[in-house]
């Protein structure tokens, strides 16, 4: 306990949060999952799922995909199969954020969008078109490896026939502003694409298609992660239309073309993939929560953990619930009660009208709501951040608060700041933003609460 007294609650909370993110580092995940022995390629996940591929008669390994973890996944994959890379049996490309592009040996990394711009761009569309060409020209004795992670939907646009890239951008922006969950967003996107919703699998002519996933969708629905390019969708165009109607977007003039496409394809029969397809999840939000828990134990905390299985609803409500749990832990009188709470999930934010909207993200909004509910934060520290290092359209992963930070914010109009989604300048002014830069991974959000009770 003496070591804990020498550190602040906030320092510990940040350290635990960072350990959770480190636990889903893609290069390490790929190294742990893949083994190459002579001509046998073995892939095995931490949950025990896996497969063996005999490479004796295999021609090429064609690697495609993308996402915020794409660069690390590419490097990790190349390292795990180094002899095949050296033998020039590996080729392909991934679409990743421009600030994640780095040197690789055989798998080309394309900046599919600028840093901090989480929407489709022409560069991503060009990369996606090249991926479709590569898999469509594959030979039956080739194996396609698809590396997917969160953020892949925006990085791999391929508008359906009759749609433009501007149509895709408009629907993504309007859905986000309306507070759509990632499930709702990807349900719509997968029916507006030649790549998503199983489009890559239908285009693939290789004998085998293996998808390795770092999941950013709670519950790991394979058809929704990166909008499911290698998995047949569980939804229909009618479900996509229902999402637009539920969020009152069906009548938006900007979406007239989108609605028309969804209506016209409602009864179309999709061709079935001819390739043998397997999907394996390497890591998810629970993986990060578990890694954070290990670090909490090392630091001497008795922790409780919880990982959401579906979208959690408004960030403000999640923040207030986190505050209640923090107060309960701090004020507990029974022995052996936890003094650290680690949770994972992904809430939503209903954006304020553009004319009053400020700058912030869902994690900053969540911490703001928690601060408002806790008050002075005596003997409490709260950290909340996106595992990808991005929180909304900002350069912060999220925000943090403790007694020292709360004292600096006395008198601030927290309710108005929250109403205008303007948490960033408030937290920036008291050095309470959690800034990591791109983490090259993405498994939703991670929150850590640490408390201190009288000995």
Protein backbone atom coordinates (compact mmCIF):
# COMPACT_ATOMS: atom_id res chain seq x y z
CA UNK A 1 0.00 0.00 0.00
CA UNK A 2 2.93 2.35 0.64
CA UNK A 3 3.68 2.49 -3.10
CA UNK A 4 0.15 3.60 -3.79
CA UNK A 5 0.39 6.43 -1.29
CA UNK A 6 3.35 7.78 -3.24
CA UNK A 7 1.38 7.93 -6.49
CA UNK A 8 -1.73 9.92 -7.30
CA UNK A 9 -5.05 8.24 -8.07
CA UNK A 10 -5.04 9.92 -11.47
CA UNK A 11 -1.55 8.70 -12.34
CA UNK A 12 -2.66 5.17 -11.53
CA UNK A 13 -5.89 5.48 -13.53
CA UNK A 14 -3.99 6.70 -16.60
CA UNK A 15 -1.42 3.93 -16.21
CA UNK A 16 -4.17 1.32 -16.01
CA UNK A 17 -5.91 2.83 -19.06
CA UNK A 18 -2.69 2.77 -21.09
CA UNK A 19 -2.08 -0.85 -20.13
CA UNK A 20 -5.51 -1.73 -21.50
CA UNK A 21 -4.68 -0.13 -24.84
CA UNK A 22 -1.28 -1.84 -24.91
CA UNK A 23 -3.08 -5.14 -24.45
CA UNK A 24 -4.67 -4.77 -27.89
CA UNK A 25 -1.53 -3.64 -29.75
CA UNK A 26 -1.91 -5.27 -33.19
CA UNK A 27 1.71 -6.30 -33.76
CA UNK A 28 1.74 -8.27 -30.53
CA UNK A 29 -1.70 -9.77 -31.24
CA UNK A 30 -0.58 -11.02 -34.65
CA UNK A 31 2.68 -12.37 -33.26
CA UNK A 32 0.78 -14.31 -30.58
CA UNK A 33 -1.81 -15.67 -33.02
CA UNK A 34 0.30 -16.79 -36.02
CA UNK A 35 2.92 -19.52 -36.35
CA UNK A 36 4.68 -20.69 -39.49
CA UNK A 37 6.40 -24.09 -39.35
CA UNK A 38 7.74 -25.33 -42.68
CA UNK A 39 4.66 -25.30 -44.93
CA UNK A 40 2.04 -25.15 -42.16
CA UNK A 41 0.52 -21.78 -41.29
CA UNK A 42 -1.36 -21.92 -37.98
CA UNK A 43 -3.62 -19.14 -36.74
CA UNK A 44 -5.02 -19.41 -33.21
CA UNK A 45 -6.83 -16.82 -31.11
CA UNK A 46 -6.65 -16.41 -27.33
CA UNK A 47 -10.16 -17.90 -27.10
CA UNK A 48 -8.96 -21.14 -28.74
CA UNK A 49 -10.48 -20.60 -32.19
CA UNK A 50 -8.14 -21.20 -35.08
CA UNK A 51 -7.23 -22.95 -38.30
CA UNK A 52 -4.32 -24.57 -40.11
CA UNK A 53 -3.41 -23.81 -43.72
CA UNK A 54 -1.16 -26.20 -45.62
CA UNK A 55 0.85 -23.98 -47.95
CA UNK A 56 2.35 -26.80 -50.01
CA UNK A 57 0.17 -26.13 -53.04
CA UNK A 58 -0.72 -22.50 -52.27
CA UNK A 59 0.36 -19.90 -54.81
CA UNK A 60 0.28 -16.43 -53.26
CA UNK A 61 -0.92 -14.89 -50.01
CA UNK A 62 -2.86 -11.79 -51.04
CA UNK A 63 -3.39 -9.40 -48.12
CA UNK A 64 -6.14 -6.76 -48.19
CA UNK A 65 -8.22 -4.81 -45.68
CA UNK A 66 -7.77 -1.78 -43.47
CA UNK A 67 -8.70 0.15 -40.38
CA UNK A 68 -7.03 2.12 -37.64
CA UNK A 69 -5.05 -0.95 -36.55
CA UNK A 70 -4.16 -1.84 -40.14
CA UNK A 71 -0.55 -0.65 -40.11
CA UNK A 72 0.32 -2.64 -37.00
CA UNK A 73 -1.58 -5.67 -38.26
CA UNK A 74 0.37 -5.55 -41.54
CA UNK A 75 3.73 -5.33 -39.78
CA UNK A 76 2.79 -8.06 -37.32
CA UNK A 77 1.61 -10.34 -40.10
CA UNK A 78 4.76 -9.80 -42.14
CA UNK A 79 6.95 -10.56 -39.12
CA UNK A 80 5.03 -13.75 -38.34
CA UNK A 81 5.43 -15.11 -41.89
CA UNK A 82 8.88 -13.65 -42.65
CA UNK A 83 10.08 -16.60 -44.77
CA UNK A 84 7.10 -16.22 -47.11
CA UNK A 85 7.74 -12.48 -47.39
CA UNK A 86 11.38 -13.13 -48.25
CA UNK A 87 10.29 -15.69 -50.86
CA UNK A 88 8.07 -13.01 -52.46
CA UNK A 89 4.92 -15.06 -51.94
CA UNK A 90 3.09 -12.21 -50.20
CA UNK A 91 1.53 -9.09 -51.75
CA UNK A 92 -1.36 -6.73 -51.16
CA UNK A 93 -2.42 -3.42 -49.67
CA UNK A 94 -4.33 -1.95 -46.75
CA UNK A 95 -6.12 1.36 -46.33
CA UNK A 96 -5.13 3.11 -43.10
CA UNK A 97 -5.27 6.67 -41.74
CA UNK A 98 -2.58 8.81 -43.40
CA UNK A 99 -0.73 9.37 -40.13
CA UNK A 100 -0.43 5.59 -39.64
CA UNK A 101 1.37 4.91 -42.93
CA UNK A 102 4.78 3.39 -42.23
CA UNK A 103 7.40 1.24 -43.90
CA UNK A 104 6.42 -2.34 -44.71
CA UNK A 105 8.02 -5.06 -46.82
CA UNK A 106 5.33 -6.67 -48.98
CA UNK A 107 1.98 -5.19 -47.92
CA UNK A 108 1.56 -1.66 -49.18
CA UNK A 109 -0.06 0.85 -46.81
CA UNK A 110 -2.27 3.51 -48.40
CA UNK A 111 -3.38 6.66 -46.58
CA UNK A 112 -7.10 6.22 -47.17
CA UNK A 113 -8.06 9.42 -45.37
CA UNK A 114 -6.29 12.31 -43.63
CA UNK A 115 -5.66 12.13 -39.90
CA UNK A 116 -8.69 13.13 -37.85
CA UNK A 117 -11.11 13.02 -40.83
CA UNK A 118 -13.23 9.95 -40.19
CA UNK A 119 -15.20 9.91 -43.43
CA UNK A 120 -14.75 8.48 -46.95
CA UNK A 121 -12.17 10.07 -49.20
CA UNK A 122 -11.11 9.50 -52.85
CA UNK A 123 -7.80 7.98 -51.70
CA UNK A 124 -9.67 5.32 -49.75
CA UNK A 125 -12.00 4.67 -52.67
CA UNK A 126 -9.02 4.14 -55.00
CA UNK A 127 -7.40 1.73 -52.52
CA UNK A 128 -10.66 -0.21 -52.15
CA UNK A 129 -11.07 -0.49 -55.92
CA UNK A 130 -7.55 -1.95 -56.10
CA UNK A 131 -8.40 -4.49 -53.38
CA UNK A 132 -11.47 -5.61 -55.32
CA UNK A 133 -9.32 -5.99 -58.43
CA UNK A 134 -6.69 -8.04 -56.59
CA UNK A 135 -9.15 -10.54 -55.11
CA UNK A 136 -11.16 -10.82 -58.33
CA UNK A 137 -7.99 -11.75 -60.24
CA UNK A 138 -6.79 -14.25 -57.63
CA UNK A 139 -6.16 -17.84 -58.70
CA UNK A 140 -7.99 -20.79 -57.09
CA UNK A 141 -4.76 -21.88 -55.35
CA UNK A 142 -4.21 -18.43 -53.81
CA UNK A 143 -5.21 -17.51 -50.23
CA UNK A 144 -6.60 -14.06 -49.44
CA UNK A 145 -5.95 -12.73 -45.94
CA UNK A 146 -8.19 -9.82 -44.95
CA UNK A 147 -6.95 -7.75 -41.98
CA UNK A 148 -9.81 -5.74 -40.50
CA UNK A 149 -10.11 -3.32 -37.61
CA UNK A 150 -12.28 -0.46 -36.42
CA UNK A 151 -12.43 2.56 -38.68
CA UNK A 152 -12.40 0.33 -41.74
CA UNK A 153 -15.81 1.48 -42.94
CA UNK A 154 -14.65 5.03 -43.64
CA UNK A 155 -11.29 3.87 -44.98
CA UNK A 156 -12.68 1.42 -47.55
CA UNK A 157 -15.50 3.12 -49.50
CA UNK A 158 -16.81 1.60 -52.72
CA UNK A 159 -20.13 3.31 -53.52
CA UNK A 160 -22.79 1.03 -54.94
CA UNK A 161 -23.78 1.59 -58.54
CA UNK A 162 -25.75 4.82 -58.78
CA UNK A 163 -24.16 6.36 -55.66
CA UNK A 164 -21.36 8.88 -55.35
CA UNK A 165 -18.72 9.35 -52.68
CA UNK A 166 -20.53 12.54 -51.66
CA UNK A 167 -23.67 10.47 -51.03
CA UNK A 168 -21.69 8.21 -48.70
CA UNK A 169 -20.19 11.19 -46.88
CA UNK A 170 -23.61 12.82 -46.45
CA UNK A 171 -25.25 9.74 -44.95
CA UNK A 172 -22.34 9.13 -42.55
CA UNK A 173 -22.39 12.74 -41.31
CA UNK A 174 -26.15 12.86 -40.83
CA UNK A 175 -26.23 9.52 -39.02
CA UNK A 176 -23.43 10.61 -36.68
CA UNK A 177 -25.12 13.94 -35.93
CA UNK A 178 -28.36 12.12 -35.13
CA UNK A 179 -26.61 9.98 -32.52
CA UNK A 180 -26.61 6.73 -34.50
CA UNK A 181 -24.89 3.77 -32.86
CA UNK A 182 -22.06 2.02 -34.70
CA UNK A 183 -24.47 -0.86 -35.37
CA UNK A 184 -26.97 1.49 -37.01
CA UNK A 185 -24.28 3.31 -38.96
CA UNK A 186 -22.82 0.11 -40.37
CA UNK A 187 -26.24 -1.39 -41.10
CA UNK A 188 -26.84 1.49 -43.49
CA UNK A 189 -23.33 1.58 -44.95
CA UNK A 190 -23.16 -2.11 -45.79
CA UNK A 191 -26.12 -1.81 -48.16
CA UNK A 192 -24.63 1.15 -50.03
CA UNK A 193 -21.36 -0.48 -51.04
CA UNK A 194 -19.77 -2.90 -53.51
CA UNK A 195 -17.18 -3.82 -50.85
CA UNK A 196 -19.04 -3.91 -47.55
CA UNK A 197 -21.82 -6.31 -46.63
CA UNK A 198 -19.93 -9.32 -48.00
CA UNK A 199 -18.94 -7.56 -51.23
CA UNK A 200 -15.26 -8.44 -50.92
CA UNK A 201 -16.08 -12.13 -50.39
CA UNK A 202 -18.40 -12.19 -53.41
CA UNK A 203 -15.65 -10.66 -55.57
CA UNK A 204 -12.97 -13.07 -54.32
CA UNK A 205 -11.82 -15.83 -56.69
CA UNK A 206 -9.15 -17.30 -54.40
CA UNK A 207 -9.81 -20.76 -53.05
CA UNK A 208 -9.66 -19.52 -49.46
CA UNK A 209 -10.42 -16.25 -47.66
CA UNK A 210 -9.33 -15.77 -44.05
CA UNK A 211 -10.36 -12.63 -42.15
CA UNK A 212 -8.49 -11.59 -38.99
CA UNK A 213 -10.36 -9.03 -36.92
CA UNK A 214 -9.65 -6.55 -34.15
CA UNK A 215 -13.21 -5.68 -33.21
CA UNK A 216 -14.54 -2.20 -32.46
CA UNK A 217 -18.20 -3.26 -32.36
CA UNK A 218 -19.59 -4.41 -29.02
CA UNK A 219 -20.64 -8.06 -29.05
CA UNK A 220 -18.45 -8.71 -32.13
CA UNK A 221 -21.18 -9.04 -34.79
CA UNK A 222 -18.97 -10.12 -37.69
CA UNK A 223 -21.22 -8.57 -40.32
CA UNK A 224 -20.93 -5.12 -38.74
CA UNK A 225 -17.19 -4.84 -37.95
CA UNK A 226 -15.84 -2.53 -40.69
CA UNK A 227 -19.32 -3.11 -42.19
CA UNK A 228 -18.53 -6.78 -42.83
CA UNK A 229 -16.76 -6.92 -46.22
CA UNK A 230 -16.19 -10.68 -45.95
CA UNK A 231 -19.41 -11.70 -44.17
CA UNK A 232 -22.95 -11.85 -45.52
CA UNK A 233 -25.08 -9.20 -43.78
CA UNK A 234 -27.71 -10.19 -41.25
CA UNK A 235 -29.68 -7.07 -42.19
CA UNK A 236 -31.48 -6.04 -45.36
CA UNK A 237 -31.91 -2.76 -47.27
CA UNK A 238 -35.29 -2.53 -45.51
CA UNK A 239 -33.46 -2.55 -42.16
CA UNK A 240 -31.22 0.26 -43.40
CA UNK A 241 -34.30 2.28 -44.39
CA UNK A 242 -35.78 1.61 -40.95
CA UNK A 243 -32.65 3.08 -39.33
CA UNK A 244 -33.02 6.26 -41.40
CA UNK A 245 -36.70 6.50 -40.49
CA UNK A 246 -36.05 5.85 -36.78
CA UNK A 247 -33.55 8.70 -36.72
CA UNK A 248 -35.89 10.91 -38.79
CA UNK A 249 -33.49 11.10 -41.71
CA UNK A 250 -35.57 9.38 -44.39
CA UNK A 251 -36.90 12.67 -45.70
CA UNK A 252 -33.58 14.53 -45.78
CA UNK A 253 -33.06 16.02 -49.28
CA UNK A 254 -29.34 15.14 -49.12
CA UNK A 255 -30.27 11.46 -48.79
CA UNK A 256 -32.76 11.24 -51.63
CA UNK A 257 -30.34 9.20 -53.75
CA UNK A 258 -29.45 6.95 -50.83
CA UNK A 259 -33.11 6.22 -50.07
CA UNK A 260 -33.77 5.51 -53.75
CA UNK A 261 -30.90 2.99 -53.92
CA UNK A 262 -32.05 1.22 -50.75
CA UNK A 263 -35.62 1.03 -52.00
CA UNK A 264 -34.61 -0.22 -55.45
CA UNK A 265 -32.37 -2.99 -54.06
CA UNK A 266 -34.78 -4.18 -51.38
CA UNK A 267 -35.79 -7.29 -53.32
CA UNK A 268 -32.53 -8.05 -55.11
CA UNK A 269 -30.94 -11.48 -54.62
CA UNK A 270 -27.23 -11.35 -53.78
CA UNK A 271 -24.81 -13.76 -55.41
CA UNK A 272 -23.27 -16.20 -52.96
CA UNK A 273 -19.48 -16.23 -52.41
CA UNK A 274 -17.59 -19.08 -54.06
CA UNK A 275 -14.53 -18.92 -51.79
CA UNK A 276 -14.11 -20.87 -48.53
CA UNK A 277 -14.33 -18.13 -45.89
CA UNK A 278 -13.25 -18.10 -42.23
CA UNK A 279 -13.30 -15.19 -39.78
CA UNK A 280 -11.34 -15.07 -36.52
CA UNK A 281 -11.56 -12.32 -33.87
CA UNK A 282 -8.11 -11.62 -32.40
CA UNK A 283 -9.15 -8.98 -29.85
CA UNK A 284 -12.04 -6.82 -28.74
CA UNK A 285 -13.08 -4.41 -26.03
CA UNK A 286 -13.04 -7.17 -23.40
CA UNK A 287 -9.38 -7.88 -24.26
CA UNK A 288 -8.46 -4.30 -23.34
CA UNK A 289 -10.53 -4.39 -20.15
CA UNK A 290 -8.78 -7.60 -19.08
CA UNK A 291 -5.32 -6.15 -19.78
CA UNK A 292 -6.21 -3.07 -17.73
CA UNK A 293 -7.33 -5.33 -14.90
CA UNK A 294 -3.96 -7.07 -14.83
CA UNK A 295 -2.22 -3.69 -14.46
CA UNK A 296 -4.62 -2.63 -11.70
CA UNK A 297 -3.69 -5.74 -9.72
CA UNK A 298 0.00 -4.99 -10.19
CA UNK A 299 -0.57 -1.53 -8.72
CA UNK A 300 -2.29 -2.97 -5.67
CA UNK A 301 -5.94 -2.32 -6.50
CA UNK A 302 -8.88 -4.61 -5.94
CA UNK A 303 -10.77 -4.07 -9.16
CA UNK A 304 -14.19 -4.70 -10.65
CA UNK A 305 -14.61 -4.96 -14.42
CA UNK A 306 -17.51 -4.68 -16.84
CA UNK A 307 -17.65 -4.76 -20.62
CA UNK A 308 -20.77 -3.70 -22.51
CA UNK A 309 -22.12 -6.12 -25.09
CA UNK A 310 -24.15 -3.54 -26.99
CA UNK A 311 -24.30 0.21 -27.49
CA UNK A 312 -24.71 1.93 -24.16
CA UNK A 313 -26.83 4.93 -25.07
CA UNK A 314 -26.05 8.61 -24.39
CA UNK A 315 -22.57 9.43 -23.07
CA UNK A 316 -24.10 11.72 -20.45
CA UNK A 317 -26.05 8.82 -18.92
CA UNK A 318 -23.01 6.55 -18.94
CA UNK A 319 -20.96 9.27 -17.27
CA UNK A 320 -23.54 9.79 -14.53
CA UNK A 321 -23.73 6.04 -13.90
CA UNK A 322 -19.93 5.89 -13.68
CA UNK A 323 -20.08 8.72 -11.13
CA UNK A 324 -22.58 6.81 -8.99
CA UNK A 325 -20.33 3.76 -9.03
CA UNK A 326 -17.30 5.90 -8.09
CA UNK A 327 -19.09 7.47 -5.12
CA UNK A 328 -20.33 4.06 -3.99
CA UNK A 329 -16.80 2.62 -4.10
CA UNK A 330 -15.26 5.58 -2.28
CA UNK A 331 -17.87 5.57 0.48
CA UNK A 332 -18.07 1.79 0.92
CA UNK A 333 -17.63 0.60 4.52
CA UNK A 334 -17.65 -3.16 4.00
CA UNK A 335 -14.22 -4.81 3.86
CA UNK A 336 -12.76 -6.04 0.58
CA UNK A 337 -14.86 -3.73 -1.58
CA UNK A 338 -13.19 -2.84 -4.92
CA UNK A 339 -11.32 0.45 -5.15
CA UNK A 340 -10.89 0.41 -8.94
CA UNK A 341 -13.53 0.10 -11.64
CA UNK A 342 -12.63 -0.69 -15.26
CA UNK A 343 -15.37 -0.58 -17.88
CA UNK A 344 -15.51 -0.76 -21.65
CA UNK A 345 -18.11 0.21 -24.18
CA UNK A 346 -19.13 2.86 -26.65
CA UNK A 347 -21.79 5.47 -25.89
CA UNK A 348 -23.39 7.87 -28.33
CA UNK A 349 -23.65 11.66 -28.45
CA UNK A 350 -26.54 13.63 -29.87
CA UNK A 351 -24.79 16.59 -31.48
CA UNK A 352 -25.94 20.12 -30.75
CA UNK A 353 -27.10 22.26 -33.70
CA UNK A 354 -24.12 23.47 -35.80
CA UNK A 355 -24.66 27.11 -34.85
CA UNK A 356 -23.94 26.45 -31.14
CA UNK A 357 -21.85 23.28 -31.39
CA UNK A 358 -18.39 23.44 -29.87
CA UNK A 359 -15.53 20.99 -29.89
CA UNK A 360 -15.46 17.67 -28.10
CA UNK A 361 -16.00 13.93 -28.26
CA UNK A 362 -18.03 11.24 -26.54
CA UNK A 363 -15.38 10.48 -23.91
CA UNK A 364 -14.93 14.15 -23.06
CA UNK A 365 -18.72 14.47 -22.81
CA UNK A 366 -18.83 11.41 -20.56
CA UNK A 367 -16.16 12.73 -18.17
CA UNK A 368 -17.91 16.09 -18.07
CA UNK A 369 -21.16 14.40 -17.03
CA UNK A 370 -19.30 12.34 -14.41
CA UNK A 371 -17.67 15.47 -12.99
CA UNK A 372 -21.02 17.24 -12.77
CA UNK A 373 -22.46 14.28 -10.83
CA UNK A 374 -19.49 13.69 -8.51
CA UNK A 375 -18.70 17.29 -7.62
CA UNK A 376 -15.35 17.90 -5.92
CA UNK A 377 -13.94 14.45 -6.83
CA UNK A 378 -12.51 14.00 -3.34
CA UNK A 379 -10.53 10.72 -3.34
CA UNK A 380 -11.74 9.88 -6.86
CA UNK A 381 -10.08 9.88 -10.29
CA UNK A 382 -11.84 9.17 -13.59
CA UNK A 383 -10.26 8.55 -17.01
CA UNK A 384 -12.18 7.82 -20.21
CA UNK A 385 -10.71 7.52 -23.69
CA UNK A 386 -11.05 5.90 -27.08
CA UNK A 387 -8.62 3.04 -27.55
CA UNK A 388 -7.73 4.48 -30.97
CA UNK A 389 -6.45 7.73 -29.47
CA UNK A 390 -9.22 9.73 -31.17
CA UNK A 391 -12.30 11.21 -29.50
CA UNK A 392 -14.65 12.76 -32.00
CA UNK A 393 -13.05 15.36 -34.30
CA UNK A 394 -10.30 16.17 -31.79
CA UNK A 395 -6.65 15.32 -31.18
CA UNK A 396 -7.44 13.88 -27.75
CA UNK A 397 -8.32 10.30 -26.85
CA UNK A 398 -10.61 11.55 -24.10
CA UNK A 399 -10.43 13.33 -20.77
CA UNK A 400 -9.66 12.81 -17.08
CA UNK A 401 -10.57 14.39 -13.77
CA UNK A 402 -9.57 14.21 -10.12
CA UNK A 403 -9.80 16.47 -7.07
CA UNK A 404 -7.09 18.82 -8.33
CA UNK A 405 -8.69 19.26 -11.76
CA UNK A 406 -12.18 19.59 -10.29
CA UNK A 407 -10.97 22.44 -8.06
CA UNK A 408 -9.78 24.34 -11.14
CA UNK A 409 -13.23 24.00 -12.73
CA UNK A 410 -15.26 25.35 -9.83
CA UNK A 411 -17.64 27.94 -11.23
CA UNK A 412 -17.56 26.64 -14.79
CA UNK A 413 -20.95 26.18 -16.42
CA UNK A 414 -20.71 22.44 -16.96
CA UNK A 415 -24.33 22.05 -18.05
CA UNK A 416 -23.99 24.63 -20.83
CA UNK A 417 -20.67 23.18 -21.95
CA UNK A 418 -22.28 19.75 -22.15
CA UNK A 419 -25.31 21.12 -24.02
CA UNK A 420 -23.04 22.60 -26.69
CA UNK A 421 -20.68 19.57 -26.95
CA UNK A 422 -17.82 21.91 -26.05
CA UNK A 423 -15.82 19.93 -23.49
CA UNK A 424 -12.48 20.14 -25.32
CA UNK A 425 -11.57 23.78 -24.54
CA UNK A 426 -12.76 23.37 -20.95
CA UNK A 427 -10.53 20.36 -20.28
CA UNK A 428 -7.70 21.78 -22.37
CA UNK A 429 -7.58 24.84 -20.18
CA UNK A 430 -6.88 22.73 -17.06
CA UNK A 431 -4.59 20.17 -18.76
CA UNK A 432 -7.18 17.42 -18.37
CA UNK A 433 -7.24 16.06 -21.91
CA UNK A 434 -5.96 12.53 -22.42
CA UNK A 435 -3.63 12.80 -25.42
CA UNK A 436 -1.89 9.76 -26.86
CA UNK A 437 -1.71 10.37 -30.60
CA UNK A 438 -2.79 7.50 -32.88
CA UNK A 439 -2.50 4.22 -30.99
CA UNK A 440 -2.74 2.09 -34.17
CA UNK A 441 -5.51 -0.01 -32.65
CA UNK A 442 -9.24 0.36 -32.04
CA UNK A 443 -11.53 -1.56 -29.67
CA UNK A 444 -14.10 1.08 -28.61
CA UNK A 445 -13.65 3.00 -25.34
CA UNK A 446 -12.01 2.22 -22.01
CA UNK A 447 -12.85 3.88 -18.67
CA UNK A 448 -10.98 3.64 -15.38
CA UNK A 449 -12.05 4.87 -11.94
CA UNK A 450 -9.71 4.75 -8.96
CA UNK A 451 -10.73 5.68 -5.42
CA UNK A 452 -9.11 6.01 -2.03
CA UNK A 453 -10.73 5.09 1.26
CA UNK A 454 -9.48 5.57 4.81
CA UNK A 455 -7.15 2.72 5.84
